[in-house]
């Protein structure tokens, strides 16, 4: 939940993409939702980049192992991750 937007039930919002409503408050709320979603997506992208950079060595080891064999067993994965 976003503090500014609150909980959002998108099943009750008609034509969200086209924003076809007559109420300016509703349009303002749509804009708030759009900004919040863009913020969340940006944060998710940034967090993902950090995690990939942080664990790149493990990703590299796993990809090399998968190139050699099609199946990676639990014990092999644990060795890579620890």
Protein backbone atom coordinates (compact mmCIF):
# COMPACT_ATOMS: atom_id res chain seq x y z
CA UNK A 1 0.00 0.00 0.00
CA UNK A 2 1.18 3.48 -0.79
CA UNK A 3 0.64 6.09 1.94
CA UNK A 4 -0.40 8.78 -0.54
CA UNK A 5 -2.66 6.64 -2.72
CA UNK A 6 -3.95 4.17 -0.14
CA UNK A 7 -5.54 0.89 -1.15
CA UNK A 8 -6.64 0.68 -4.77
CA UNK A 9 -9.37 -1.59 -6.11
CA UNK A 10 -8.89 -1.49 -9.86
CA UNK A 11 -11.92 -3.67 -10.59
CA UNK A 12 -14.15 -0.67 -9.81
CA UNK A 13 -12.34 1.82 -12.05
CA UNK A 14 -13.82 1.92 -15.57
CA UNK A 15 -11.70 2.96 -18.54
CA UNK A 16 -8.64 3.68 -16.46
CA UNK A 17 -6.33 3.81 -19.45
CA UNK A 18 -8.56 6.23 -21.32
CA UNK A 19 -9.44 8.19 -18.16
CA UNK A 20 -12.97 8.79 -19.39
CA UNK A 21 -14.69 10.33 -16.42
CA UNK A 22 -16.40 13.61 -15.82
CA UNK A 23 -15.12 14.16 -12.32
CA UNK A 24 -11.87 16.11 -11.98
CA UNK A 25 -11.16 14.56 -8.57
CA UNK A 26 -11.28 11.12 -10.15
CA UNK A 27 -8.84 12.22 -12.87
CA UNK A 28 -6.58 13.61 -10.18
CA UNK A 29 -6.77 10.27 -8.38
CA UNK A 30 -5.89 8.44 -11.61
CA UNK A 31 -2.83 10.67 -11.92
CA UNK A 32 -1.84 9.83 -8.35
CA UNK A 33 -2.19 6.13 -9.11
CA UNK A 34 -0.12 6.49 -12.30
CA UNK A 35 2.65 8.31 -10.42
CA UNK A 36 2.62 5.74 -7.61
CA UNK A 37 2.84 2.83 -10.07
CA UNK A 38 5.73 4.49 -11.90
CA UNK A 39 7.47 5.03 -8.55
CA UNK A 40 6.95 1.39 -7.56
CA UNK A 41 8.23 0.15 -10.91
CA UNK A 42 11.30 2.36 -10.63
CA UNK A 43 12.02 1.15 -7.10
CA UNK A 44 11.59 -2.46 -8.20
CA UNK A 45 13.95 -1.94 -11.13
CA UNK A 46 16.56 -0.31 -8.89
CA UNK A 47 16.29 -3.08 -6.28
CA UNK A 48 16.59 -5.75 -8.98
CA UNK A 49 19.72 -4.12 -10.42
CA UNK A 50 21.29 -3.98 -6.95
CA UNK A 51 20.50 -7.64 -6.29
CA UNK A 52 21.91 -8.74 -9.65
CA UNK A 53 25.09 -6.73 -9.09
CA UNK A 54 25.40 -8.03 -5.54
CA UNK A 55 25.00 -11.68 -6.58
CA UNK A 56 26.52 -11.59 -10.07
CA UNK A 57 29.20 -14.15 -9.18
CA UNK A 58 26.52 -16.67 -8.20
CA UNK A 59 24.49 -15.94 -11.31
CA UNK A 60 27.59 -16.47 -13.43
CA UNK A 61 28.42 -19.81 -11.73
CA UNK A 62 24.84 -21.03 -12.13
CA UNK A 63 24.71 -20.03 -15.80
CA UNK A 64 27.99 -21.82 -16.51
CA UNK A 65 26.72 -24.96 -14.80
CA UNK A 66 23.46 -24.81 -16.76
CA UNK A 67 25.41 -24.55 -20.00
CA UNK A 68 27.20 -27.79 -19.11
CA UNK A 69 24.15 -29.68 -17.91
CA UNK A 70 20.41 -29.21 -18.26
CA UNK A 71 19.48 -30.01 -14.67
CA UNK A 72 20.93 -28.49 -11.51
CA UNK A 73 20.24 -30.51 -8.40
CA UNK A 74 19.56 -29.03 -4.98
CA UNK A 75 23.00 -29.88 -3.60
CA UNK A 76 24.71 -28.24 -6.62
CA UNK A 77 22.57 -25.13 -6.22
CA UNK A 78 23.31 -24.95 -2.50
CA UNK A 79 27.05 -25.11 -3.27
CA UNK A 80 26.73 -22.17 -5.62
CA UNK A 81 24.59 -20.09 -3.29
CA UNK A 82 26.72 -20.59 -0.18
